[in-house]
N, C-alpha and C. Protein backbone atom coordinates (compact mmCIF):
# COMPACT_ATOMS: atom_id res chain seq x y z
N MET A 1 -71.48 101.64 81.88
CA MET A 1 -71.16 103.10 82.03
C MET A 1 -69.42 102.60 82.53
N LYS A 2 -68.56 102.87 81.69
CA LYS A 2 -67.23 102.46 82.25
C LYS A 2 -66.58 104.02 82.83
N THR A 3 -65.95 103.72 84.44
CA THR A 3 -65.30 104.70 85.01
C THR A 3 -64.38 104.92 84.49
N ILE A 4 -63.78 106.04 84.43
CA ILE A 4 -62.07 106.47 83.91
C ILE A 4 -61.16 107.15 84.97
N THR A 5 -60.39 106.84 85.63
CA THR A 5 -60.00 107.47 86.54
C THR A 5 -58.10 108.20 86.43
N ALA A 6 -57.99 109.06 86.80
CA ALA A 6 -56.61 109.60 85.79
C ALA A 6 -55.82 109.26 87.22
N PRO A 7 -54.45 108.91 86.82
CA PRO A 7 -53.54 109.17 87.72
C PRO A 7 -53.42 109.89 88.66
N ALA A 8 -52.79 109.58 89.84
CA ALA A 8 -52.42 111.12 91.31
C ALA A 8 -51.54 111.84 90.42
N HIS A 9 -50.97 111.28 90.37
CA HIS A 9 -49.72 112.37 89.61
C HIS A 9 -50.72 113.32 88.99
N LEU A 10 -50.88 112.72 87.39
CA LEU A 10 -51.62 113.56 86.53
C LEU A 10 -52.54 114.84 87.10
N CYS A 11 -53.55 114.34 88.11
CA CYS A 11 -54.57 115.27 89.12
C CYS A 11 -53.72 116.10 89.52
N ILE A 12 -52.22 116.07 90.30
CA ILE A 12 -52.07 117.07 91.18
C ILE A 12 -51.23 117.85 90.05
N LEU A 13 -50.91 117.29 88.72
CA LEU A 13 -50.38 118.48 88.17
C LEU A 13 -51.50 119.36 87.38
N VAL A 14 -52.70 118.65 87.12
CA VAL A 14 -53.63 119.87 86.46
C VAL A 14 -53.85 120.79 87.72
N LEU A 15 -53.84 120.27 89.22
CA LEU A 15 -54.20 120.94 90.26
C LEU A 15 -53.26 122.39 90.48
N LEU A 16 -51.72 121.96 89.90
CA LEU A 16 -50.73 122.75 90.33
C LEU A 16 -50.79 124.01 89.06
N LEU A 17 -50.76 123.48 87.78
CA LEU A 17 -51.50 124.11 86.61
C LEU A 17 -52.38 125.58 86.93
N VAL A 18 -53.48 124.79 87.36
CA VAL A 18 -54.59 125.58 87.68
C VAL A 18 -54.38 126.40 88.87
N CYS A 19 -53.76 126.69 89.85
CA CYS A 19 -53.30 127.44 91.21
C CYS A 19 -52.44 128.36 90.37
N CYS A 20 -51.46 127.82 89.70
CA CYS A 20 -50.37 128.78 88.94
C CYS A 20 -51.20 129.99 88.21
N GLN A 21 -52.22 129.43 87.50
CA GLN A 21 -52.93 130.17 86.66
C GLN A 21 -53.41 131.46 87.00
N GLN A 22 -54.11 130.64 88.49
CA GLN A 22 -54.90 132.00 89.27
C GLN A 22 -53.66 132.50 90.21
N LEU A 23 -52.70 132.42 90.49
CA LEU A 23 -51.51 133.61 90.91
C LEU A 23 -51.08 134.25 89.82
N SER A 24 -50.79 133.90 88.84
CA SER A 24 -50.85 134.70 87.74
C SER A 24 -51.52 136.28 87.62
N TYR A 25 -52.75 135.29 87.05
CA TYR A 25 -53.99 136.74 87.17
C TYR A 25 -54.26 137.57 88.25
N ALA A 26 -53.60 136.84 89.96
CA ALA A 26 -53.92 138.01 90.76
C ALA A 26 -52.52 138.85 90.68
N GLN A 27 -51.71 138.30 90.34
CA GLN A 27 -50.48 139.63 89.85
C GLN A 27 -50.72 140.45 88.89
N THR A 28 -51.09 139.98 88.07
CA THR A 28 -51.83 140.74 87.12
C THR A 28 -52.84 142.20 86.86
N ARG A 29 -53.66 141.52 87.85
CA ARG A 29 -54.60 142.49 88.59
C ARG A 29 -54.40 143.24 89.64
N GLY A 30 -53.26 143.23 89.93
CA GLY A 30 -53.26 143.76 91.57
C GLY A 30 -53.11 143.39 92.81
N SER A 31 -52.52 142.39 93.20
CA SER A 31 -52.62 141.54 94.40
C SER A 31 -52.44 143.08 95.68
N LYS A 32 -52.63 142.77 96.53
CA LYS A 32 -52.88 143.78 97.66
C LYS A 32 -52.55 143.04 98.97
N THR A 33 -52.17 143.68 99.83
CA THR A 33 -51.62 142.80 101.09
C THR A 33 -51.49 144.10 102.15
N GLU A 34 -52.72 143.97 103.35
CA GLU A 34 -52.65 145.09 104.23
C GLU A 34 -52.06 144.06 105.46
N VAL A 35 -51.41 144.89 106.36
CA VAL A 35 -51.21 144.21 107.99
C VAL A 35 -51.46 145.65 109.11
N GLY A 36 -52.28 144.81 110.02
CA GLY A 36 -52.92 145.73 111.45
C GLY A 36 -54.05 144.83 112.10
N PHE A 37 -54.81 145.57 112.70
CA PHE A 37 -55.46 144.97 113.47
C PHE A 37 -57.06 145.06 113.03
N ALA A 38 -57.80 144.28 113.30
CA ALA A 38 -59.41 143.57 113.32
C ALA A 38 -59.79 144.08 114.59
N GLU A 39 -61.26 144.43 114.45
CA GLU A 39 -61.82 144.78 115.59
C GLU A 39 -63.54 143.63 115.21
N ARG A 40 -63.68 143.27 116.06
CA ARG A 40 -65.24 142.45 116.23
C ARG A 40 -66.65 143.53 115.83
N ILE A 41 -67.18 143.39 114.79
CA ILE A 41 -68.51 144.11 114.69
C ILE A 41 -69.61 144.14 115.67
N ASP A 42 -70.04 144.41 116.45
CA ASP A 42 -71.30 144.32 117.15
C ASP A 42 -72.69 144.58 116.91
N ASN A 43 -73.60 143.82 117.25
CA ASN A 43 -74.90 143.83 117.01
C ASN A 43 -74.80 143.87 115.50
N VAL A 44 -74.19 142.58 114.75
CA VAL A 44 -74.74 142.46 113.63
C VAL A 44 -75.86 141.78 113.18
N PRO A 45 -77.13 142.15 112.66
CA PRO A 45 -78.10 141.44 112.48
C PRO A 45 -78.39 140.11 111.99
N ASP A 46 -77.56 140.01 111.10
CA ASP A 46 -77.48 138.45 110.43
C ASP A 46 -76.09 138.10 110.83
N SER A 47 -76.16 137.04 111.87
CA SER A 47 -74.63 136.83 112.32
C SER A 47 -73.79 135.91 111.78
N ASN A 48 -74.41 134.90 111.00
CA ASN A 48 -74.17 134.06 110.10
C ASN A 48 -73.35 134.19 109.04
N LYS A 49 -72.98 135.16 108.61
CA LYS A 49 -72.38 135.59 107.87
C LYS A 49 -70.82 136.15 107.87
N TYR A 50 -70.16 135.83 106.84
CA TYR A 50 -68.66 136.39 106.82
C TYR A 50 -68.54 137.52 106.35
N ILE A 51 -68.84 138.78 107.10
CA ILE A 51 -68.73 140.34 106.28
C ILE A 51 -67.85 141.13 106.92
N ALA A 52 -67.60 142.27 106.34
CA ALA A 52 -66.37 142.99 106.82
C ALA A 52 -66.76 144.26 106.71
N LEU A 53 -66.15 145.33 106.90
CA LEU A 53 -66.13 146.44 107.10
C LEU A 53 -64.62 147.08 106.78
N HIS A 54 -64.24 148.09 105.66
CA HIS A 54 -62.80 148.12 105.29
C HIS A 54 -62.95 149.87 105.03
N PRO A 55 -62.04 150.92 104.93
CA PRO A 55 -61.99 151.97 104.83
C PRO A 55 -61.98 152.56 103.13
N SER A 56 -61.61 151.47 102.45
CA SER A 56 -61.32 151.99 101.38
C SER A 56 -61.47 151.03 100.07
N VAL A 57 -61.79 149.58 100.51
CA VAL A 57 -61.77 148.43 99.42
C VAL A 57 -63.28 148.47 98.72
N PRO A 58 -63.45 148.46 97.89
CA PRO A 58 -64.92 148.44 97.19
C PRO A 58 -65.70 147.60 97.88
N ILE A 59 -67.22 147.79 97.87
CA ILE A 59 -68.31 146.81 98.53
C ILE A 59 -68.13 145.92 97.73
N GLY A 60 -68.28 144.79 98.00
CA GLY A 60 -68.40 143.29 97.33
C GLY A 60 -66.95 142.77 97.13
N THR A 61 -65.88 143.62 97.51
CA THR A 61 -64.91 142.35 97.10
C THR A 61 -64.87 141.51 98.55
N VAL A 62 -63.93 140.51 97.96
CA VAL A 62 -63.57 139.34 98.79
C VAL A 62 -62.20 139.45 99.10
N LEU A 63 -62.24 139.50 100.98
CA LEU A 63 -61.08 139.57 101.44
C LEU A 63 -60.59 138.08 101.78
N LYS A 64 -59.07 137.93 101.87
CA LYS A 64 -58.84 137.00 102.86
C LYS A 64 -58.18 137.43 103.93
N VAL A 65 -58.56 136.75 105.16
CA VAL A 65 -57.84 137.50 106.49
C VAL A 65 -57.53 136.36 107.10
N HIS A 66 -55.95 136.45 107.64
CA HIS A 66 -55.73 136.09 107.94
C HIS A 66 -55.04 135.92 109.36
N ASN A 67 -55.58 135.20 110.33
CA ASN A 67 -55.10 135.52 112.00
C ASN A 67 -53.36 135.48 111.99
N THR A 68 -52.99 136.13 112.37
CA THR A 68 -51.40 136.01 112.17
C THR A 68 -51.16 135.87 113.72
N GLU A 69 -51.80 135.35 114.74
CA GLU A 69 -51.32 134.62 116.17
C GLU A 69 -51.60 133.48 116.37
N ASN A 70 -52.59 132.60 115.01
CA ASN A 70 -52.79 131.45 114.98
C ASN A 70 -52.58 130.92 113.58
N ASN A 71 -52.45 131.55 112.70
CA ASN A 71 -52.56 131.14 111.06
C ASN A 71 -53.70 130.34 110.98
N VAL A 72 -54.65 130.64 111.24
CA VAL A 72 -56.09 130.24 110.30
C VAL A 72 -56.67 131.73 109.51
N SER A 73 -57.19 131.11 108.60
CA SER A 73 -57.38 131.81 107.09
C SER A 73 -59.42 131.82 107.37
N VAL A 74 -59.38 132.65 106.71
CA VAL A 74 -61.24 132.61 106.27
C VAL A 74 -60.87 133.89 105.14
N PHE A 75 -62.35 133.18 104.23
CA PHE A 75 -62.27 134.81 103.08
C PHE A 75 -63.87 135.23 103.49
N VAL A 76 -63.70 136.59 103.49
CA VAL A 76 -65.29 137.41 103.91
C VAL A 76 -65.45 138.15 102.65
N ARG A 77 -66.38 139.11 102.42
CA ARG A 77 -66.94 140.09 101.94
C ARG A 77 -67.19 141.02 102.37
N VAL A 78 -66.55 142.49 102.29
CA VAL A 78 -66.85 143.69 102.31
C VAL A 78 -68.56 144.00 101.97
N ILE A 79 -68.95 144.82 103.02
CA ILE A 79 -70.43 145.00 102.97
C ILE A 79 -70.37 146.62 103.24
N GLY A 80 -69.49 147.09 103.55
CA GLY A 80 -69.44 148.51 103.82
C GLY A 80 -68.04 149.32 104.03
N GLN A 81 -68.40 150.37 104.25
CA GLN A 81 -66.96 151.15 104.82
C GLN A 81 -66.90 151.39 106.06
N LEU A 82 -65.80 151.19 106.58
CA LEU A 82 -65.32 151.52 107.96
C LEU A 82 -65.41 153.10 108.08
N PRO A 83 -66.28 153.13 109.11
CA PRO A 83 -66.24 154.64 109.61
C PRO A 83 -64.65 155.23 110.00
N LYS A 84 -64.21 156.58 109.79
CA LYS A 84 -62.97 157.20 109.86
C LYS A 84 -62.93 157.40 111.30
N VAL A 85 -63.80 157.23 112.35
CA VAL A 85 -63.88 157.52 113.51
C VAL A 85 -62.97 156.86 114.58
N SER A 86 -62.47 155.95 114.15
CA SER A 86 -61.26 155.52 115.30
C SER A 86 -59.91 156.28 115.04
N SER A 87 -59.26 156.56 116.13
CA SER A 87 -58.14 157.03 116.05
C SER A 87 -56.92 156.44 116.10
N ASP A 88 -57.17 155.15 115.73
CA ASP A 88 -56.37 154.12 115.89
C ASP A 88 -55.47 153.71 113.90
N PRO A 89 -54.71 154.03 113.30
CA PRO A 89 -54.37 154.07 112.23
C PRO A 89 -54.14 152.68 111.76
N LYS A 90 -54.19 151.80 112.77
CA LYS A 90 -53.21 150.32 112.41
C LYS A 90 -54.89 149.37 112.38
N LEU A 91 -56.02 150.17 113.03
CA LEU A 91 -57.13 149.36 112.67
C LEU A 91 -57.88 148.96 111.17
N ILE A 92 -57.32 148.02 110.59
CA ILE A 92 -57.72 148.30 109.21
C ILE A 92 -58.83 147.36 108.58
N VAL A 93 -59.51 146.73 109.91
CA VAL A 93 -60.95 146.07 109.00
C VAL A 93 -62.05 145.55 110.65
N ARG A 94 -63.15 145.77 110.18
CA ARG A 94 -64.10 145.56 111.52
C ARG A 94 -64.61 144.16 110.71
N LEU A 95 -64.77 143.20 111.57
CA LEU A 95 -65.10 141.64 111.03
C LEU A 95 -66.57 141.80 111.86
N SER A 96 -67.39 140.69 111.27
CA SER A 96 -68.65 140.15 112.06
C SER A 96 -68.24 138.91 113.22
N PRO A 97 -68.57 138.78 113.81
CA PRO A 97 -69.02 137.82 115.12
C PRO A 97 -68.70 136.39 114.39
N THR A 98 -68.98 136.15 113.74
CA THR A 98 -68.76 134.69 112.78
C THR A 98 -67.69 134.74 112.32
N VAL A 99 -67.19 135.38 111.69
CA VAL A 99 -65.77 135.76 111.14
C VAL A 99 -64.82 135.15 112.18
N PHE A 100 -64.71 135.98 113.39
CA PHE A 100 -63.63 135.93 114.78
C PHE A 100 -64.26 134.37 114.85
N GLU A 101 -65.12 133.73 114.99
CA GLU A 101 -65.24 132.68 115.30
C GLU A 101 -64.50 131.46 114.24
N GLY A 102 -64.79 131.89 112.78
CA GLY A 102 -63.99 131.35 112.32
C GLY A 102 -62.35 131.47 111.92
N LEU A 103 -62.00 132.24 112.40
CA LEU A 103 -60.31 132.37 112.83
C LEU A 103 -59.91 131.89 114.34
N LYS A 104 -61.28 131.40 115.20
CA LYS A 104 -60.26 130.56 116.17
C LYS A 104 -60.18 132.01 117.27
N VAL A 105 -60.96 132.83 117.29
CA VAL A 105 -60.78 133.58 118.54
C VAL A 105 -61.30 133.43 119.64
N SER A 106 -60.63 133.46 120.75
CA SER A 106 -60.79 133.30 122.02
C SER A 106 -62.50 134.20 122.34
N PRO A 107 -63.46 133.40 123.02
CA PRO A 107 -64.75 134.45 122.86
C PRO A 107 -64.78 136.04 123.61
N GLY A 108 -63.74 135.97 124.17
CA GLY A 108 -63.77 137.24 125.09
C GLY A 108 -63.15 138.73 124.24
N ARG A 109 -62.03 138.12 123.33
CA ARG A 109 -61.21 138.89 122.34
C ARG A 109 -61.95 139.85 121.69
N ARG A 110 -61.73 140.98 121.25
CA ARG A 110 -62.51 141.95 120.24
C ARG A 110 -61.55 142.63 119.35
N ARG A 111 -60.24 142.28 119.50
CA ARG A 111 -59.01 142.33 118.65
C ARG A 111 -58.31 141.87 118.73
N ILE A 112 -58.07 141.55 117.05
CA ILE A 112 -56.79 140.60 116.81
C ILE A 112 -55.78 141.06 115.68
N SER A 113 -55.10 140.73 115.63
CA SER A 113 -53.68 140.92 114.68
C SER A 113 -54.15 140.21 113.21
N VAL A 114 -54.17 140.83 112.10
CA VAL A 114 -54.15 140.40 110.92
C VAL A 114 -53.56 140.65 109.93
N GLU A 115 -53.65 140.06 108.57
CA GLU A 115 -53.25 140.24 107.42
C GLU A 115 -54.30 140.22 106.68
N LEU A 116 -54.65 140.93 105.55
CA LEU A 116 -55.55 140.97 104.51
C LEU A 116 -54.88 140.80 103.48
N SER A 117 -55.77 140.07 102.41
CA SER A 117 -55.07 140.15 100.98
C SER A 117 -56.36 139.56 100.24
N TYR A 118 -55.95 140.63 99.07
CA TYR A 118 -57.32 140.91 98.12
C TYR A 118 -56.71 141.20 96.77
N VAL A 119 -57.34 141.17 95.76
CA VAL A 119 -57.11 141.56 94.36
C VAL A 119 -57.98 143.11 93.99
N GLU A 120 -57.13 143.77 93.68
CA GLU A 120 -57.62 145.35 93.51
C GLU A 120 -58.13 145.03 92.27
N ASN A 121 -59.55 145.87 92.22
CA ASN A 121 -60.48 145.47 90.79
C ASN A 121 -60.20 146.86 90.09
N THR A 122 -58.89 146.44 89.03
CA THR A 122 -58.64 147.28 88.50
C THR A 122 -58.65 147.02 86.64
N PRO A 123 -59.37 148.10 85.88
CA PRO A 123 -59.63 147.74 84.61
C PRO A 123 -58.41 147.31 83.58
């Protein structure tokens, strides 16, 4: 069996085309960005998952969470609504302890500055 390898420049070109196509899709589907604070969720039953609570994004949405303090990003799934009991309007999301670890947050910290990105699910 003969192995065919593509030149590196061709692979890079294909990768760029795919990325541009995905970016174009995100722009036409309503890409959204939010900036504010994230807090850690305590007492998460299945703490090894990357999960989040958000006040308005539909359950099941995947968010890109960017830690603006150290430029580390992870992807999380929204599993529920963020209760509106907080008096802080800058609190935009609550994240599982595993997400805080993935974002390289110091173990004692419960709140960080983040930027959220996601594609709004519109018809």
